């Protein structure tokens, strides 16, 4: 039943005629709540469009920050699932532009082929992540162990079936369109799926790396908007007319201050600084939640500067510099891409913000930088693997290879004067 404004008004008048003693005892009815919500929406629509946009951006920014805290609390599996969901959504947002440009009504089956390649890419990179970080779980089941051993072969076969499907689907007079869409699909997968894999590698180094990475871009984006809105006068780049030098510089200053302060605060949290690791202990899989903090997470004196701080703050400083000066060009690149294809946003998933891809354009650049930075200056996974992790990797080898490795290791120890 449709409730008109007159009926709502009459109902509110009747409610107001009830004595206070009774009205305080009875909760609001559904009509009261509906009338109040309508009043709020009416007042919202009366605001200027710019103010409406500010309010929407603020509300959904708070919601996104709350969800980010929830995801961090949920741990690595929650983060990986959220990353996968965001990756799939971004893929569909970008590929939709290609579908619109090339008009796939004459080749409708290509959507299924694109989805197949999306699954294929995730099978490979997702499998690599599972094998690398969830090895103890795989070792419990012989079938999973076999799949892990031949994972890359199976992934290649699965992918090439997609290539064969594409070749068989080629239609005369549509070759150029089909190959263009195939190129679109592979470039999008290269950008998105590889970044998802890098996120996984960053998470397992310790949650703090992931938090600082995401926070840097989030703070820079928020402060660029605020500084640009209140102080912006000088245009920064023609691709993004709303971007100003004042917003760019102000965001950089606030990003460095907030990121370094947050890094200092988080360094004392063992849950965030310890590498995430699963081990098999007494036939049980255990998540290691404690560790001996690395030197970068211990307070040190810096006499030259007369301060005492965590060395990790220095890493956070370089992250914030990169996030302020370089990462925004990921956003400018995305702006140029959207202008080239005459779209305002990649989607409308988040009111006031656009699509998921509109929120991840700079994050993709930042994630790559953080992973390269860790590998180059911190040590990366290969330098920090525990003996337990190496042992579980050995268990994935064939028995004859394990035996050969045993004799090689035994010979090396004996030659170094160690008695067995």
Foldseek 3Di string as FASTA:
>chain_A
DDDDPVNLVVVVVVLVPDDPVVNVVDDDDPSVVVVVVVVVVVVLVPDDPVVNLVVLCVVLLVVVVVVVVVQVVVADVSVLVVLLVLLVQLLCLQLVLLCVVLVCPVPVCVVVLLVQLLVLLCQLLVLVLCCQFVLVVQLVDPVSLVCNLCVVVVSVVSNVVSVVVLVVSDDPPCNVSSVVSVVSSVVSCVLRSVLSSLLSLQVLQFQLLVVLLLVLLSQLVVQLVVQLVPPFDAADDPLDRSGGPRSLVRSLVRSLVVSLVVSQVCLVPQQGNHRWHWFQDPNDIDIDRGDDGDQQSDWDADVVVGDITRVVSVVSNVLNNCSRPPLCVLLSVVSVVCVVSVHDASACPRRSQGGSCSSCSSSSVSSVVSSVCCVPPVNGDVRPDDPRSVVSVLSSDDPVVNVVVVVVVVVVCVVVVHDD
